[in-house]
């Protein structure tokens, strides 16, 4: 679970919006 959280944070940093949306959809 921790790894997923870190990945989500990185994605949010890379693309605040598109990346976050992709992660939320994956979950």
N, C-alpha and C. Protein backbone atom coordinates (compact mmCIF):
# COMPACT_ATOMS: atom_id res chain seq x y z
N UNK A 1 0.84 -1.20 0.00
CA UNK A 1 0.00 0.00 0.00
C UNK A 1 0.88 1.25 0.00
N UNK A 2 1.99 1.17 0.72
CA UNK A 2 2.87 2.33 0.79
C UNK A 2 3.44 2.64 -0.60
N UNK A 3 3.81 1.59 -1.31
CA UNK A 3 4.40 1.78 -2.64
C UNK A 3 3.40 2.47 -3.56
N UNK A 4 2.15 2.06 -3.46
CA UNK A 4 1.11 2.65 -4.31
C UNK A 4 0.97 4.14 -4.00
N UNK A 5 1.01 4.47 -2.71
CA UNK A 5 0.86 5.86 -2.30
C UNK A 5 1.99 6.70 -2.90
N UNK A 6 3.22 6.18 -2.82
CA UNK A 6 4.38 6.91 -3.35
C UNK A 6 4.20 7.11 -4.86
N UNK A 7 3.77 6.06 -5.53
CA UNK A 7 3.58 6.14 -6.98
C UNK A 7 2.55 7.21 -7.32
N UNK A 8 1.47 7.24 -6.55
CA UNK A 8 0.43 8.24 -6.78
C UNK A 8 0.97 9.65 -6.61
N UNK A 9 1.79 9.83 -5.57
CA UNK A 9 2.36 11.15 -5.31
C UNK A 9 3.23 11.59 -6.48
N UNK A 10 4.06 10.67 -6.97
CA UNK A 10 4.95 10.99 -8.10
C UNK A 10 4.12 11.34 -9.32
N UNK A 11 3.08 10.56 -9.57
CA UNK A 11 2.24 10.82 -10.73
C UNK A 11 1.60 12.19 -10.63
N UNK A 12 1.15 12.54 -9.44
CA UNK A 12 0.52 13.84 -9.23
C UNK A 12 1.52 14.95 -9.52
N UNK A 13 2.78 14.72 -9.15
CA UNK A 13 3.82 15.73 -9.38
C UNK A 13 4.09 15.86 -10.87
N UNK A 14 4.14 14.72 -11.56
CA UNK A 14 4.44 14.74 -12.99
C UNK A 14 3.30 15.40 -13.76
N UNK A 15 2.06 14.97 -13.48
CA UNK A 15 0.92 15.54 -14.20
C UNK A 15 -0.23 15.77 -13.25
N UNK A 16 -0.23 16.89 -12.58
CA UNK A 16 -1.30 17.18 -11.62
C UNK A 16 -2.62 17.29 -12.36
N UNK A 17 -3.38 16.20 -12.35
CA UNK A 17 -4.66 16.22 -13.06
C UNK A 17 -4.78 14.96 -13.89
N UNK A 18 -4.10 14.93 -15.02
CA UNK A 18 -4.15 13.76 -15.89
C UNK A 18 -3.58 12.55 -15.16
N UNK A 19 -2.42 12.71 -14.55
CA UNK A 19 -1.79 11.59 -13.85
C UNK A 19 -2.64 11.13 -12.68
N UNK A 20 -3.13 12.09 -11.88
CA UNK A 20 -3.95 11.75 -10.72
C UNK A 20 -5.20 11.02 -11.19
N UNK A 21 -5.81 11.49 -12.25
CA UNK A 21 -7.04 10.87 -12.77
C UNK A 21 -6.74 9.43 -13.19
N UNK A 22 -5.60 9.21 -13.83
CA UNK A 22 -5.24 7.86 -14.28
C UNK A 22 -5.06 6.94 -13.09
N UNK A 23 -4.39 7.42 -12.05
CA UNK A 23 -4.18 6.59 -10.86
C UNK A 23 -5.51 6.27 -10.20
N UNK A 24 -6.38 7.26 -10.08
CA UNK A 24 -7.68 7.04 -9.44
C UNK A 24 -8.49 6.02 -10.23
N UNK A 25 -8.38 6.08 -11.56
CA UNK A 25 -9.13 5.13 -12.40
C UNK A 25 -8.55 3.73 -12.23
N UNK A 26 -7.24 3.63 -12.12
CA UNK A 26 -6.59 2.33 -11.96
C UNK A 26 -7.05 1.68 -10.66
N UNK A 27 -7.23 2.47 -9.62
CA UNK A 27 -7.66 1.95 -8.31
C UNK A 27 -9.14 1.75 -8.33
